[in-house]
Amino acid sequence: MARLGTERARKLLYQIARKHNTDPRSVIEGPRDHEYIVVKQEFCQTVKEQGICLLVAADILKLDHSTVVYHASPEFRERKKTKRTRGNSDAQNQIDP
């Protein structure tokens, strides 16, 4: 039995994929290319904004729930990016005398 909001989420994925000139199957089954990641992020954010459970998005995209939460939350991505950048600069400071 499908979760509540599954059909609506599938329609959203189709609309977002078409907007980015790709098809939903490529987004789901394709490689982790930037163009597909952008579609996944927009889809997850839209699902969250529409009040659909993120587990539905995880089921549709065939991803782990935590990955969908990461895609749906720009603040998580920014925090990770900041940590990654800060960590690299700290390592550089230790190498240079």
Protein backbone atom coordinates (compact mmCIF):
# COMPACT_ATOMS: atom_id res chain seq x y z
CA MET A 1 0.00 0.00 0.00
CA ALA A 2 1.39 3.39 -1.02
CA ARG A 3 1.94 6.15 1.51
CA LEU A 4 -0.34 9.16 1.61
CA GLY A 5 0.81 11.77 -0.94
CA THR A 6 2.72 9.35 -3.16
CA GLU A 7 0.77 10.14 -6.32
CA ARG A 8 1.06 13.89 -5.74
CA ALA A 9 4.81 13.53 -5.17
CA ARG A 10 5.22 11.52 -8.38
CA LYS A 11 3.49 14.30 -10.30
CA LEU A 12 5.81 16.85 -8.69
CA LEU A 13 8.86 14.83 -9.70
CA TYR A 14 7.59 14.66 -13.28
CA GLN A 15 6.99 18.43 -13.39
CA ILE A 16 10.36 19.30 -11.88
CA ALA A 17 12.23 16.85 -14.12
CA ARG A 18 10.53 18.27 -17.22
CA LYS A 19 11.40 21.79 -16.07
CA HIS A 20 15.06 20.74 -16.07
CA ASN A 21 14.73 19.01 -19.48
CA THR A 22 15.17 15.48 -18.20
CA ASP A 23 12.88 12.60 -17.36
CA PRO A 24 12.06 11.22 -13.90
CA ARG A 25 13.49 7.78 -14.67
CA SER A 26 16.91 9.31 -15.39
CA VAL A 27 16.76 11.23 -12.13
CA ILE A 28 15.97 8.08 -10.18
CA GLU A 29 18.24 5.62 -11.98
CA GLY A 30 20.91 7.93 -13.39
CA PRO A 31 24.36 8.62 -12.02
CA ARG A 32 25.13 11.18 -9.35
CA ASP A 33 25.66 13.94 -11.89
CA HIS A 34 25.14 17.57 -10.90
CA GLU A 35 22.11 17.96 -13.17
CA TYR A 36 20.30 15.10 -11.42
CA ILE A 37 21.33 16.24 -7.94
CA VAL A 38 19.79 19.67 -8.62
CA VAL A 39 16.51 18.01 -9.63
CA LYS A 40 16.55 15.78 -6.52
CA GLN A 41 17.21 18.75 -4.26
CA GLU A 42 14.42 20.81 -5.78
CA PHE A 43 12.05 17.83 -5.61
CA CYS A 44 12.84 17.13 -1.95
CA GLN A 45 12.44 20.79 -1.00
CA THR A 46 9.11 20.99 -2.85
CA VAL A 47 7.84 17.80 -1.21
CA LYS A 48 8.74 19.23 2.19
CA GLU A 49 7.04 22.56 1.40
CA GLN A 50 3.90 20.75 0.19
CA GLY A 51 3.66 18.92 3.52
CA ILE A 52 4.26 15.49 2.03
CA CYS A 53 6.22 13.06 4.18
CA LEU A 54 9.90 12.89 3.21
CA LEU A 55 9.68 9.10 3.39
CA VAL A 56 7.52 9.31 0.26
CA ALA A 57 10.31 11.18 -1.54
CA ALA A 58 12.83 8.61 -0.30
CA ASP A 59 10.68 5.78 -1.65
CA ILE A 60 10.22 7.47 -5.02
CA LEU A 61 13.89 8.40 -5.47
CA LYS A 62 15.07 5.07 -4.01
CA LEU A 63 17.27 6.90 -1.52
CA ASP A 64 17.90 6.65 2.19
CA HIS A 65 15.66 8.90 4.29
CA SER A 66 18.65 10.82 5.67
CA THR A 67 19.79 11.67 2.13
CA VAL A 68 16.36 13.09 1.36
CA VAL A 69 16.43 15.17 4.54
CA TYR A 70 19.84 16.50 3.45
CA HIS A 71 18.50 17.37 -0.02
CA ALA A 72 15.42 19.03 1.46
CA SER A 73 17.36 21.27 3.86
CA PRO A 74 19.64 23.91 2.33
CA GLU A 75 20.90 24.80 5.82
CA PHE A 76 22.27 21.25 6.26
CA ARG A 77 24.12 21.48 2.94
CA GLU A 78 25.52 24.90 3.83
CA ARG A 79 26.67 23.70 7.25
CA LYS A 80 28.40 20.69 5.70
CA LYS A 81 30.02 22.91 3.06
CA THR A 82 31.27 25.29 5.76
CA LYS A 83 32.70 22.46 7.86
CA ARG A 84 34.39 20.95 4.82
CA THR A 85 35.95 24.28 3.85
CA ARG A 86 36.99 25.15 7.40
CA GLY A 87 38.56 21.73 7.84
CA ASN A 88 40.66 22.14 4.72
CA SER A 89 41.96 25.55 5.77
CA ASP A 90 42.91 24.20 9.20
CA ALA A 91 44.90 21.41 7.58
CA GLN A 92 46.69 23.90 5.34
CA ASN A 93 47.62 26.06 8.33
CA GLN A 94 49.21 23.09 10.03
CA ILE A 95 51.36 22.23 6.98
CA ASP A 96 52.65 25.75 6.36
CA PRO A 97 55.15 26.92 9.01
